[in-house]
Amino acid sequence: MARYIRVSVLGRKNPYSVDVSQGMRRAVEEMKECLRKEIELVLPEKPDLIVLPEACDRPMNLPASERKNYYLERGSEILDFYSEVARNNNCNIAYSAVRDVPDGTFRNSTIMINREGKIDGIYNKNHIVEGERTQGDIYCGTDAPIIECDFGKVGCVICFDLNFEPIRRKYEKQRPEMLIFSSNYHGGIMQNYWAYACRAYFVCAFGYGESTIVSPVGETVATSSSYFSYFTRTINLDYAVAHLDYNWGKLRAMKEKYGPGVTIHDPGHLGSVLISSELNGVSAMDMVKEFEIELLDDYIARSLEFHDRNKAADYADRFR
């Protein structure tokens, strides 16, 4: 059944500077005002989800040596602010920030706030850069949780994480429907590869330039522009990814039956298509099962099994 999700992404071309000369209380208040004005840019769109960039409430002009004092003064104040925004506007918010934990250390985290202003889950950046640890007492996260939100299953990634295979492999096995990437590093082609490898929509809020949404077949479907650092896009989380091999006739038959009720999108050059249900009452997986369409993951697994079986047979024949 079609699951349309309205996603607003807030990137930045000019990260915020505030007055840090008058003490941390003044800095926190100014930052909160900057963030209030920023989020008001997308609230008229009535989004289901708002995604913010990495460490979104850290002043750009704050020296690394002063950051911990700022975070301790800030406490949960900006989290509370976003929780109120979520409640008042019936939306989810992916809030990315450095937070202090009870043992006196810090984590670089994405906090998923739901429509009631409560926390659905927290992801801690797994692959911090050296300076985060040596200058900020920021410790690595150790897991890649799937966070259950009212719109679907979410995985999170932050900045440097995008370079590392182990965390991506965890998400490949868990198959989130959306990956949220809050970052101060763009990632380039890695965005597209992660989306395709995990078969997930990939939503990037980038703090220093172009933010994006990438589809589960690795195609960039929305971006911010040279004029606007924010955008809103509706995506459909009722989807499946299938390879074209052995499915051509089945896909045609499915389209003939459901017409505009199913979208079969070919990004080109990939050999895989994105199947999305546009109907109430019939899901993409219902359609896939009805026409016995082999999904990409199943096709790859079957091909590997065929390869291994025949490799063993070929080896045996060669050495008889």
C-alpha atoms as a PDB file:
ATOM      1  CA  MET A   1       0.000   0.000   0.000  1.00  0.00           C
ATOM      2  CA  ALA A   2       1.390   3.377  -0.992  1.00  0.00           C
ATOM      3  CA  ARG A   3       3.241   5.054   1.895  1.00  0.00           C
ATOM      4  CA  TYR A   4       3.910   8.613   0.888  1.00  0.00           C
ATOM      5  CA  ILE A   5       6.306  10.445   3.203  1.00  0.00           C
ATOM      6  CA  ARG A   6       6.889  14.168   2.948  1.00  0.00           C
ATOM      7  CA  VAL A   7      10.541  14.832   3.797  1.00  0.00           C
ATOM      8  CA  SER A   8      12.071  18.260   4.413  1.00  0.00           C
ATOM      9  CA  VAL A   9      15.861  18.533   4.384  1.00  0.00           C
ATOM     10  CA  LEU A  10      17.644  21.479   5.959  1.00  0.00           C
ATOM     11  CA  GLY A  11      21.206  21.904   4.746  1.00  0.00           C
ATOM     12  CA  ARG A  12      23.325  25.014   5.003  1.00  0.00           C
ATOM     13  CA  LYS A  13      25.521  27.098   2.757  1.00  0.00           C
ATOM     14  CA  ASN A  14      26.664  29.324   5.618  1.00  0.00           C
ATOM     15  CA  PRO A  15      26.790  27.521   8.990  1.00  0.00           C
ATOM     16  CA  TYR A  16      25.767  29.749  11.854  1.00  0.00           C
ATOM     17  CA  SER A  17      28.118  31.952  13.832  1.00  0.00           C
ATOM     18  CA  VAL A  18      26.954  33.458  17.125  1.00  0.00           C
ATOM     19  CA  ASP A  19      28.376  35.792  19.738  1.00  0.00           C
ATOM     20  CA  VAL A  20      30.659  33.620  21.848  1.00  0.00           C
ATOM     21  CA  SER A  21      32.368  36.555  23.564  1.00  0.00           C
ATOM     22  CA  GLN A  22      29.508  37.124  26.039  1.00  0.00           C
ATOM     23  CA  GLY A  23      29.483  33.650  27.552  1.00  0.00           C
ATOM     24  CA  MET A  24      27.885  30.329  26.698  1.00  0.00           C
ATOM     25  CA  ARG A  25      24.387  31.291  27.833  1.00  0.00           C
ATOM     26  CA  ARG A  26      24.310  34.047  25.212  1.00  0.00           C
ATOM     27  CA  ALA A  27      25.697  31.657  22.580  1.00  0.00           C
ATOM     28  CA  VAL A  28      23.009  29.060  23.275  1.00  0.00           C
ATOM     29  CA  GLU A  29      20.214  31.628  23.100  1.00  0.00           C
ATOM     30  CA  GLU A  30      21.474  33.027  19.796  1.00  0.00           C
ATOM     31  CA  MET A  31      21.878  29.574  18.312  1.00  0.00           C
ATOM     32  CA  LYS A  32      18.353  28.623  19.318  1.00  0.00           C
ATOM     33  CA  GLU A  33      17.020  31.705  17.556  1.00  0.00           C
ATOM     34  CA  CYS A  34      18.979  30.814  14.405  1.00  0.00           C
ATOM     35  CA  LEU A  35      17.541  27.302  14.458  1.00  0.00           C
ATOM     36  CA  ARG A  36      14.010  28.584  15.053  1.00  0.00           C
ATOM     37  CA  LYS A  37      14.219  30.822  11.965  1.00  0.00           C
ATOM     38  CA  GLU A  38      15.715  27.976   9.945  1.00  0.00           C
ATOM     39  CA  ILE A  39      13.081  25.357  10.706  1.00  0.00           C
ATOM     40  CA  GLU A  40      10.304  27.844   9.981  1.00  0.00           C
ATOM     41  CA  LEU A  41      11.438  27.721   6.344  1.00  0.00           C
ATOM     42  CA  VAL A  42      10.031  24.205   5.908  1.00  0.00           C
ATOM     43  CA  LEU A  43       7.151  24.027   8.406  1.00  0.00           C
ATOM     44  CA  PRO A  44       4.657  25.459   5.851  1.00  0.00           C
ATOM     45  CA  GLU A  45       5.282  22.307   3.772  1.00  0.00           C
ATOM     46  CA  LYS A  46       3.680  20.175   6.529  1.00  0.00           C
ATOM     47  CA  PRO A  47       6.479  17.570   6.448  1.00  0.00           C
ATOM     48  CA  ASP A  48       6.273  14.141   8.041  1.00  0.00           C
ATOM     49  CA  LEU A  49      10.034  14.265   8.655  1.00  0.00           C
ATOM     50  CA  ILE A  50      12.605  17.047   8.971  1.00  0.00           C
ATOM     51  CA  VAL A  51      16.294  16.121   8.682  1.00  0.00           C
ATOM     52  CA  LEU A  52      19.023  18.362  10.100  1.00  0.00           C
ATOM     53  CA  PRO A  53      22.783  18.382   9.345  1.00  0.00           C
ATOM     54  CA  GLU A  54      25.530  17.048  11.597  1.00  0.00           C
ATOM     55  CA  ALA A  55      26.128  18.917  14.877  1.00  0.00           C
ATOM     56  CA  CYS A  56      23.428  21.320  13.731  1.00  0.00           C
ATOM     57  CA  ASP A  57      23.496  23.431  16.908  1.00  0.00           C
ATOM     58  CA  ARG A  58      27.278  23.941  17.098  1.00  0.00           C
ATOM     59  CA  PRO A  59      28.360  27.516  16.297  1.00  0.00           C
ATOM     60  CA  MET A  60      30.807  27.618  13.407  1.00  0.00           C
ATOM     61  CA  ASN A  61      32.993  30.174  15.154  1.00  0.00           C
ATOM     62  CA  LEU A  62      33.260  28.285  18.436  1.00  0.00           C
ATOM     63  CA  PRO A  63      36.864  27.123  19.090  1.00  0.00           C
ATOM     64  CA  ALA A  64      37.249  23.390  19.676  1.00  0.00           C
ATOM     65  CA  SER A  65      38.594  24.117  23.150  1.00  0.00           C
ATOM     66  CA  GLU A  66      35.281  25.802  24.103  1.00  0.00           C
ATOM     67  CA  ARG A  67      32.842  23.305  22.661  1.00  0.00           C
ATOM     68  CA  LYS A  68      32.432  21.128  25.738  1.00  0.00           C
ATOM     69  CA  ASN A  69      31.536  24.161  27.852  1.00  0.00           C
ATOM     70  CA  TYR A  70      28.962  25.130  25.237  1.00  0.00           C
ATOM     71  CA  TYR A  71      27.432  21.636  25.167  1.00  0.00           C
ATOM     72  CA  LEU A  72      27.229  21.493  28.958  1.00  0.00           C
ATOM     73  CA  GLU A  73      25.509  24.898  29.079  1.00  0.00           C
ATOM     74  CA  ARG A  74      23.141  23.873  26.293  1.00  0.00           C
ATOM     75  CA  GLY A  75      22.251  20.540  27.938  1.00  0.00           C
ATOM     76  CA  SER A  76      18.937  19.279  26.512  1.00  0.00           C
ATOM     77  CA  GLU A  77      17.631  22.759  25.797  1.00  0.00           C
ATOM     78  CA  ILE A  78      17.756  22.512  22.010  1.00  0.00           C
ATOM     79  CA  LEU A  79      16.501  18.929  22.090  1.00  0.00           C
ATOM     80  CA  ASP A  80      13.551  20.246  24.101  1.00  0.00           C
ATOM     81  CA  PHE A  81      13.062  22.992  21.515  1.00  0.00           C
ATOM     82  CA  TYR A  82      12.896  20.502  18.645  1.00  0.00           C
ATOM     83  CA  SER A  83      10.623  18.222  20.662  1.00  0.00           C
ATOM     84  CA  GLU A  84       8.186  21.098  21.029  1.00  0.00           C
ATOM     85  CA  VAL A  85       8.391  21.855  17.291  1.00  0.00           C
ATOM     86  CA  ALA A  86       7.664  18.178  16.533  1.00  0.00           C
ATOM     87  CA  ARG A  87       4.615  18.152  18.839  1.00  0.00           C
ATOM     88  CA  ASN A  88       3.221  21.431  17.574  1.00  0.00           C
ATOM     89  CA  ASN A  89       3.665  20.516  13.911  1.00  0.00           C
ATOM     90  CA  ASN A  90       2.877  16.789  13.949  1.00  0.00           C
ATOM     91  CA  CYS A  91       6.208  15.793  12.450  1.00  0.00           C
ATOM     92  CA  ASN A  92       9.295  13.697  13.118  1.00  0.00           C
ATOM     93  CA  ILE A  93      12.697  15.384  13.412  1.00  0.00           C
ATOM     94  CA  ALA A  94      16.164  13.881  12.941  1.00  0.00           C
ATOM     95  CA  TYR A  95      18.217  16.064  15.277  1.00  0.00           C
ATOM     96  CA  SER A  96      21.975  15.640  14.963  1.00  0.00           C
ATOM     97  CA  ALA A  97      24.101  16.984  17.820  1.00  0.00           C
ATOM     98  CA  VAL A  98      27.010  16.284  20.132  1.00  0.00           C
ATOM     99  CA  ARG A  99      25.600  15.275  23.508  1.00  0.00           C
ATOM    100  CA  ASP A 100      27.104  14.574  26.901  1.00  0.00           C
ATOM    101  CA  VAL A 101      26.387  11.252  28.568  1.00  0.00           C
ATOM    102  CA  PRO A 102      26.398  10.388  32.300  1.00  0.00           C
ATOM    103  CA  ASP A 103      29.982   9.075  32.362  1.00  0.00           C
ATOM    104  CA  GLY A 104      31.330  12.523  31.465  1.00  0.00           C
ATOM    105  CA  THR A 105      32.136  11.703  27.832  1.00  0.00           C
ATOM    106  CA  PHE A 106      30.334  12.799  24.675  1.00  0.00           C
ATOM    107  CA  ARG A 107      28.746  11.200  21.601  1.00  0.00           C
ATOM    108  CA  ASN A 108      28.096  12.570  18.125  1.00  0.00           C
ATOM    109  CA  SER A 109      24.497  11.447  17.711  1.00  0.00           C
ATOM    110  CA  THR A 110      21.367  11.536  15.605  1.00  0.00           C
ATOM    111  CA  ILE A 111      18.264  11.615  17.803  1.00  0.00           C
ATOM    112  CA  MET A 112      14.970  10.602  16.200  1.00  0.00           C
ATOM    113  CA  ILE A 113      12.159  12.686  17.693  1.00  0.00           C
ATOM    114  CA  ASN A 114       8.599  11.551  16.979  1.00  0.00           C
ATOM    115  CA  ARG A 115       5.359  13.491  16.489  1.00  0.00           C
ATOM    116  CA  GLU A 116       4.685  13.476  20.230  1.00  0.00           C
ATOM    117  CA  GLY A 117       8.061  15.044  20.954  1.00  0.00           C
ATOM    118  CA  LYS A 118       9.418  11.806  22.379  1.00  0.00           C
ATOM    119  CA  ILE A 119      12.565   9.935  21.326  1.00  0.00           C
ATOM    120  CA  ASP A 120      12.132   6.885  19.090  1.00  0.00           C
ATOM    121  CA  GLY A 121      15.835   6.055  19.094  1.00  0.00           C
ATOM    122  CA  ILE A 122      19.407   7.370  19.076  1.00  0.00           C
ATOM    123  CA  TYR A 123      22.292   6.561  16.763  1.00  0.00           C
ATOM    124  CA  ASN A 124      25.869   7.285  17.893  1.00  0.00           C
ATOM    125  CA  LYS A 125      28.439   7.941  15.174  1.00  0.00           C
ATOM    126  CA  ASN A 126      30.546   4.796  14.833  1.00  0.00           C
ATOM    127  CA  HIS A 127      33.561   6.222  13.013  1.00  0.00           C
ATOM    128  CA  ILE A 128      34.610   9.455  14.648  1.00  0.00           C
ATOM    129  CA  VAL A 129      37.588  11.343  13.256  1.00  0.00           C
ATOM    130  CA  GLU A 130      40.704  11.601  15.374  1.00  0.00           C
ATOM    131  CA  GLY A 131      40.104  15.192  16.469  1.00  0.00           C
ATOM    132  CA  GLU A 132      36.669  14.385  17.875  1.00  0.00           C
ATOM    133  CA  ARG A 133      38.293  11.997  20.331  1.00  0.00           C
ATOM    134  CA  THR A 134      41.478  13.919  21.170  1.00  0.00           C
ATOM    135  CA  GLN A 135      39.893  17.385  21.397  1.00  0.00           C
ATOM    136  CA  GLY A 136      36.303  16.695  22.310  1.00  0.00           C
ATOM    137  CA  ASP A 137      36.166  13.521  24.433  1.00  0.00           C
ATOM    138  CA  ILE A 138      33.747  12.126  21.845  1.00  0.00           C
ATOM    139  CA  TYR A 139      33.624   8.328  21.893  1.00  0.00           C
ATOM    140  CA  CYS A 140      32.640   5.938  19.104  1.00  0.00           C
ATOM    141  CA  GLY A 141      29.239   4.352  18.888  1.00  0.00           C
ATOM    142  CA  THR A 142      29.306   0.580  18.587  1.00  0.00           C
ATOM    143  CA  ASP A 143      26.065  -0.423  16.892  1.00  0.00           C
ATOM    144  CA  ALA A 144      23.802   0.371  13.938  1.00  0.00           C
ATOM    145  CA  PRO A 145      20.256   0.187  15.303  1.00  0.00           C
ATOM    146  CA  ILE A 146      17.138   0.134  13.182  1.00  0.00           C
ATOM    147  CA  ILE A 147      14.848   2.790  14.622  1.00  0.00           C
ATOM    148  CA  GLU A 148      11.128   2.125  14.229  1.00  0.00           C
ATOM    149  CA  CYS A 149       9.379   5.387  13.342  1.00  0.00           C
ATOM    150  CA  ASP A 150       5.726   5.870  12.511  1.00  0.00           C
ATOM    151  CA  PHE A 151       6.583   6.201   8.819  1.00  0.00           C
ATOM    152  CA  GLY A 152       8.984   3.244   8.557  1.00  0.00           C
ATOM    153  CA  LYS A 153      12.296   1.616   9.507  1.00  0.00           C
ATOM    154  CA  VAL A 154      15.215   4.043   9.754  1.00  0.00           C
ATOM    155  CA  GLY A 155      18.977   3.639   9.954  1.00  0.00           C
ATOM    156  CA  CYS A 156      21.323   6.560  10.607  1.00  0.00           C
ATOM    157  CA  VAL A 157      24.828   7.428   9.482  1.00  0.00           C
ATOM    158  CA  ILE A 158      26.956  10.460  10.333  1.00  0.00           C
ATOM    159  CA  CYS A 159      29.714  12.029   8.217  1.00  0.00           C
ATOM    160  CA  PHE A 160      32.898   9.900   8.298  1.00  0.00           C
ATOM    161  CA  ASP A 161      30.828   6.713   8.746  1.00  0.00           C
ATOM    162  CA  LEU A 162      30.124   6.706   5.017  1.00  0.00           C
ATOM    163  CA  ASN A 163      33.688   5.569   4.269  1.00  0.00           C
ATOM    164  CA  PHE A 164      33.487   2.286   6.171  1.00  0.00           C
ATOM    165  CA  GLU A 165      32.225  -1.076   4.978  1.00  0.00           C
ATOM    166  CA  PRO A 166      31.479  -2.775   8.336  1.00  0.00           C
ATOM    167  CA  ILE A 167      28.656  -0.393   9.279  1.00  0.00           C
ATOM    168  CA  ARG A 168      27.259  -0.455   5.755  1.00  0.00           C
ATOM    169  CA  ARG A 169      27.240  -4.253   5.851  1.00  0.00           C
ATOM    170  CA  LYS A 170      25.163  -4.136   9.046  1.00  0.00           C
ATOM    171  CA  TYR A 171      22.542  -2.032   7.314  1.00  0.00           C
ATOM    172  CA  GLU A 172      22.640  -4.210   4.201  1.00  0.00           C
ATOM    173  CA  LYS A 173      21.581  -7.156   6.369  1.00  0.00           C
ATOM    174  CA  GLN A 174      18.924  -5.202   8.290  1.00  0.00           C
ATOM    175  CA  ARG A 175      17.396  -3.474   5.249  1.00  0.00           C
ATOM    176  CA  PRO A 176      16.096  -0.145   6.601  1.00  0.00           C
ATOM    177  CA  GLU A 177      13.625   1.662   4.365  1.00  0.00           C
ATOM    178  CA  MET A 178      15.426   4.964   4.883  1.00  0.00           C
ATOM    179  CA  LEU A 179      18.985   5.932   5.760  1.00  0.00           C
ATOM    180  CA  ILE A 180      19.401   9.369   7.323  1.00  0.00           C
ATOM    181  CA  PHE A 181      22.811  10.919   6.707  1.00  0.00           C
ATOM    182  CA  SER A 182      23.506  14.042   8.789  1.00  0.00           C
ATOM    183  CA  SER A 183      26.917  15.285   7.772  1.00  0.00           C
ATOM    184  CA  ASN A 184      29.529  17.953   7.281  1.00  0.00           C
ATOM    185  CA  TYR A 185      31.039  15.802   4.498  1.00  0.00           C
ATOM    186  CA  HIS A 186      29.135  15.213   1.285  1.00  0.00           C
ATOM    187  CA  GLY A 187      30.254  11.696   0.419  1.00  0.00           C
ATOM    188  CA  GLY A 188      29.866  11.997  -3.361  1.00  0.00           C
ATOM    189  CA  ILE A 189      29.320   8.653  -5.080  1.00  0.00           C
ATOM    190  CA  MET A 190      29.205   6.908  -1.711  1.00  0.00           C
ATOM    191  CA  GLN A 191      25.702   8.299  -1.164  1.00  0.00           C
ATOM    192  CA  ASN A 192      24.444   6.581  -4.301  1.00  0.00           C
ATOM    193  CA  TYR A 193      26.254   3.344  -3.557  1.00  0.00           C
ATOM    194  CA  TRP A 194      24.953   3.140   0.025  1.00  0.00           C
ATOM    195  CA  ALA A 195      21.373   3.709  -1.166  1.00  0.00           C
ATOM    196  CA  TYR A 196      21.648   0.922  -3.739  1.00  0.00           C
ATOM    197  CA  ALA A 197      23.601  -1.487  -1.522  1.00  0.00           C
ATOM    198  CA  CYS A 198      21.093  -1.112   1.330  1.00  0.00           C
ATOM    199  CA  ARG A 199      18.041  -0.902  -0.992  1.00  0.00           C
ATOM    200  CA  ALA A 200      16.965   2.186   0.936  1.00  0.00           C
ATOM    201  CA  TYR A 201      16.080   5.817   0.381  1.00  0.00           C
ATOM    202  CA  PHE A 202      19.118   7.848   1.423  1.00  0.00           C
ATOM    203  CA  VAL A 203      18.378  11.304   2.864  1.00  0.00           C
ATOM    204  CA  CYS A 204      21.385  13.603   3.235  1.00  0.00           C
ATOM    205  CA  ALA A 205      21.364  16.870   5.192  1.00  0.00           C
ATOM    206  CA  PHE A 206      24.751  18.416   4.406  1.00  0.00           C
ATOM    207  CA  GLY A 207      26.021  21.305   6.486  1.00  0.00           C
ATOM    208  CA  TYR A 208      28.212  22.927   3.832  1.00  0.00           C
ATOM    209  CA  GLY A 209      26.510  22.563   0.457  1.00  0.00           C
ATOM    210  CA  GLU A 210      24.172  20.379  -1.602  1.00  0.00           C
ATOM    211  CA  SER A 211      21.759  18.161   0.315  1.00  0.00           C
ATOM    212  CA  THR A 212      20.131  15.244  -1.458  1.00  0.00           C
ATOM    213  CA  ILE A 213      17.689  12.357  -1.528  1.00  0.00           C
ATOM    214  CA  VAL A 214      18.825   9.204  -3.337  1.00  0.00           C
ATOM    215  CA  SER A 215      16.452   6.374  -4.286  1.00  0.00           C
ATOM    216  CA  PRO A 216      16.969   2.666  -3.496  1.00  0.00           C
ATOM    217  CA  VAL A 217      18.316   2.180  -7.033  1.00  0.00           C
ATOM    218  CA  GLY A 218      21.066   4.748  -6.439  1.00  0.00           C
ATOM    219  CA  GLU A 219      19.496   7.619  -8.352  1.00  0.00           C
ATOM    220  CA  THR A 220      19.565  11.145  -6.959  1.00  0.00           C
ATOM    221  CA  VAL A 221      15.919  12.259  -6.993  1.00  0.00           C
ATOM    222  CA  ALA A 222      16.065  15.588  -5.107  1.00  0.00           C
ATOM    223  CA  THR A 223      18.690  18.200  -4.253  1.00  0.00           C
ATOM    224  CA  SER A 224      18.993  21.604  -2.712  1.00  0.00           C
ATOM    225  CA  SER A 225      20.009  24.327  -5.159  1.00  0.00           C
ATOM    226  CA  SER A 226      22.495  27.146  -5.567  1.00  0.00           C
ATOM    227  CA  TYR A 227      19.808  29.485  -4.201  1.00  0.00           C
ATOM    228  CA  PHE A 228      18.044  27.395  -1.543  1.00  0.00           C
ATOM    229  CA  SER A 229      19.808  25.175   0.998  1.00  0.00           C
ATOM    230  CA  TYR A 230      16.541  23.426   1.911  1.00  0.00           C
ATOM    231  CA  PHE A 231      13.900  21.459   0.028  1.00  0.00           C
ATOM    232  CA  THR A 232      10.892  19.189   0.535  1.00  0.00           C
ATOM    233  CA  ARG A 233      10.185  16.026  -1.430  1.00  0.00           C
ATOM    234  CA  THR A 234       7.499  13.341  -1.179  1.00  0.00           C
ATOM    235  CA  ILE A 235       8.786   9.780  -1.450  1.00  0.00           C
ATOM    236  CA  ASN A 236       6.991   6.436  -1.381  1.00  0.00           C
ATOM    237  CA  LEU A 237       8.294   3.864   1.094  1.00  0.00           C
ATOM    238  CA  ASP A 238       6.134   1.057  -0.325  1.00  0.00           C
ATOM    239  CA  TYR A 239       8.681  -0.263  -2.798  1.00  0.00           C
ATOM    240  CA  ALA A 240      10.675  -3.288  -3.934  1.00  0.00           C
ATOM    241  CA  VAL A 241      13.840  -3.619  -6.033  1.00  0.00           C
ATOM    242  CA  ALA A 242      13.985  -6.276  -8.762  1.00  0.00           C
ATOM    243  CA  HIS A 243      16.541  -7.173 -11.423  1.00  0.00           C
ATOM    244  CA  LEU A 244      15.318  -7.237 -15.008  1.00  0.00           C
ATOM    245  CA  ASP A 245      16.661 -10.735 -15.722  1.00  0.00           C
ATOM    246  CA  TYR A 246      13.826 -13.263 -15.983  1.00  0.00           C
ATOM    247  CA  ASN A 247      11.311 -10.572 -14.969  1.00  0.00           C
ATOM    248  CA  TRP A 248      10.627  -8.696 -18.225  1.00  0.00           C
ATOM    249  CA  GLY A 249       7.359 -10.455 -19.055  1.00  0.00           C
ATOM    250  CA  LYS A 250       6.197 -10.492 -15.442  1.00  0.00           C
ATOM    251  CA  LEU A 251       6.783  -6.753 -15.109  1.00  0.00           C
ATOM    252  CA  ARG A 252       4.790  -6.102 -18.294  1.00  0.00           C
ATOM    253  CA  ALA A 253       1.937  -8.261 -17.007  1.00  0.00           C
ATOM    254  CA  MET A 254       1.955  -6.440 -13.676  1.00  0.00           C
ATOM    255  CA  LYS A 255       1.811  -3.065 -15.441  1.00  0.00           C
ATOM    256  CA  GLU A 256      -1.001  -4.258 -17.682  1.00  0.00           C
ATOM    257  CA  LYS A 257      -3.085  -5.236 -14.647  1.00  0.00           C
ATOM    258  CA  TYR A 258      -2.370  -2.316 -12.322  1.00  0.00           C
ATOM    259  CA  GLY A 259      -1.653   0.504 -14.775  1.00  0.00           C
ATOM    260  CA  PRO A 260      -0.937   3.756 -12.937  1.00  0.00           C
ATOM    261  CA  GLY A 261      -1.405   1.889  -9.661  1.00  0.00           C
ATOM    262  CA  VAL A 262       2.169   0.651  -9.968  1.00  0.00           C
ATOM    263  CA  THR A 263       5.315   2.572 -10.884  1.00  0.00           C
ATOM    264  CA  ILE A 264       8.167   0.590 -12.428  1.00  0.00           C
ATOM    265  CA  HIS A 265      11.103   2.957 -12.590  1.00  0.00           C
ATOM    266  CA  ASP A 266      14.277   2.146 -14.505  1.00  0.00           C
ATOM    267  CA  PRO A 267      17.214   4.418 -13.567  1.00  0.00           C
ATOM    268  CA  GLY A 268      19.165   3.121 -16.572  1.00  0.00           C
ATOM    269  CA  HIS A 269      22.454   1.207 -16.879  1.00  0.00           C
ATOM    270  CA  LEU A 270      21.831  -0.752 -13.670  1.00  0.00           C
ATOM    271  CA  GLY A 271      19.672  -3.663 -14.770  1.00  0.00           C
ATOM    272  CA  SER A 272      17.456  -3.150 -11.715  1.00  0.00           C
ATOM    273  CA  VAL A 273      14.140  -1.350 -11.342  1.00  0.00           C
ATOM    274  CA  LEU A 274      12.246   0.254  -8.478  1.00  0.00           C
ATOM    275  CA  ILE A 275       8.679  -1.049  -8.120  1.00  0.00           C
ATOM    276  CA  SER A 276       6.357   1.212  -6.106  1.00  0.00           C
ATOM    277  CA  SER A 277       2.701   0.700  -5.263  1.00  0.00           C
ATOM    278  CA  GLU A 278       0.549   3.781  -5.776  1.00  0.00           C
ATOM    279  CA  LEU A 279      -2.563   2.042  -4.437  1.00  0.00           C
ATOM    280  CA  ASN A 280      -4.359   1.676  -1.131  1.00  0.00           C
ATOM    281  CA  GLY A 281      -4.931  -1.939  -0.208  1.00  0.00           C
ATOM    282  CA  VAL A 282      -2.271  -3.518  -2.432  1.00  0.00           C
ATOM    283  CA  SER A 283       1.412  -3.287  -1.534  1.00  0.00           C
ATOM    284  CA  ALA A 284       4.431  -3.512  -3.821  1.00  0.00           C
ATOM    285  CA  MET A 285       5.261  -6.869  -2.215  1.00  0.00           C
ATOM    286  CA  ASP A 286       1.714  -8.074  -2.870  1.00  0.00           C
ATOM    287  CA  MET A 287       2.227  -7.317  -6.562  1.00  0.00           C
ATOM    288  CA  VAL A 288       5.677  -8.925  -6.592  1.00  0.00           C
ATOM    289  CA  LYS A 289       4.306 -12.140  -5.070  1.00  0.00           C
ATOM    290  CA  GLU A 290       1.282 -12.181  -7.363  1.00  0.00           C
ATOM    291  CA  PHE A 291       3.461 -12.165 -10.484  1.00  0.00           C
ATOM    292  CA  GLU A 292       6.291 -14.231  -8.976  1.00  0.00           C
ATOM    293  CA  ILE A 293       8.833 -11.508  -9.622  1.00  0.00           C
ATOM    294  CA  GLU A 294      12.289 -12.391  -8.322  1.00  0.00           C
ATOM    295  CA  LEU A 295      13.685  -9.603  -6.160  1.00  0.00           C
ATOM    296  CA  LEU A 296      17.237  -8.373  -6.641  1.00  0.00           C
ATOM    297  CA  ASP A 297      18.491  -9.826  -3.353  1.00  0.00           C
ATOM    298  CA  ASP A 298      17.047 -13.247  -4.194  1.00  0.00           C
ATOM    299  CA  TYR A 299      18.487 -13.125  -7.710  1.00  0.00           C
ATOM    300  CA  ILE A 300      21.967 -12.255  -6.416  1.00  0.00           C
ATOM    301  CA  ALA A 301      21.790 -15.018  -3.792  1.00  0.00           C
ATOM    302  CA  ARG A 302      20.667 -17.546  -6.395  1.00  0.00           C
ATOM    303  CA  SER A 303      23.424 -16.483  -8.773  1.00  0.00           C
ATOM    304  CA  LEU A 304      26.051 -16.880  -6.060  1.00  0.00           C
ATOM    305  CA  GLU A 305      24.740 -20.328  -5.190  1.00  0.00           C
ATOM    306  CA  PHE A 306      24.845 -21.286  -8.887  1.00  0.00           C
ATOM    307  CA  HIS A 307      28.404 -19.959  -9.156  1.00  0.00           C
ATOM    308  CA  ASP A 308      29.631 -21.835  -6.094  1.00  0.00           C
ATOM    309  CA  ARG A 309      27.974 -25.078  -7.125  1.00  0.00           C
ATOM    310  CA  ASN A 310      29.380 -24.984 -10.638  1.00  0.00           C
ATOM    311  CA  LYS A 311      32.809 -23.822  -9.518  1.00  0.00           C
ATOM    312  CA  ALA A 312      33.055 -26.923  -7.328  1.00  0.00           C
ATOM    313  CA  ALA A 313      31.872 -29.137 -10.197  1.00  0.00           C
ATOM    314  CA  ASP A 314      34.317 -27.559 -12.653  1.00  0.00           C
ATOM    315  CA  TYR A 315      37.167 -28.026 -10.220  1.00  0.00           C
ATOM    316  CA  ALA A 316      36.265 -31.684  -9.716  1.00  0.00           C
ATOM    317  CA  ASP A 317      36.092 -32.290 -13.483  1.00  0.00           C
ATOM    318  CA  ARG A 318      39.452 -30.645 -14.045  1.00  0.00           C
ATOM    319  CA  PHE A 319      41.256 -32.868 -11.585  1.00  0.00           C
ATOM    320  CA  ARG A 320      39.653 -36.263 -12.296  1.00  0.00           C
END
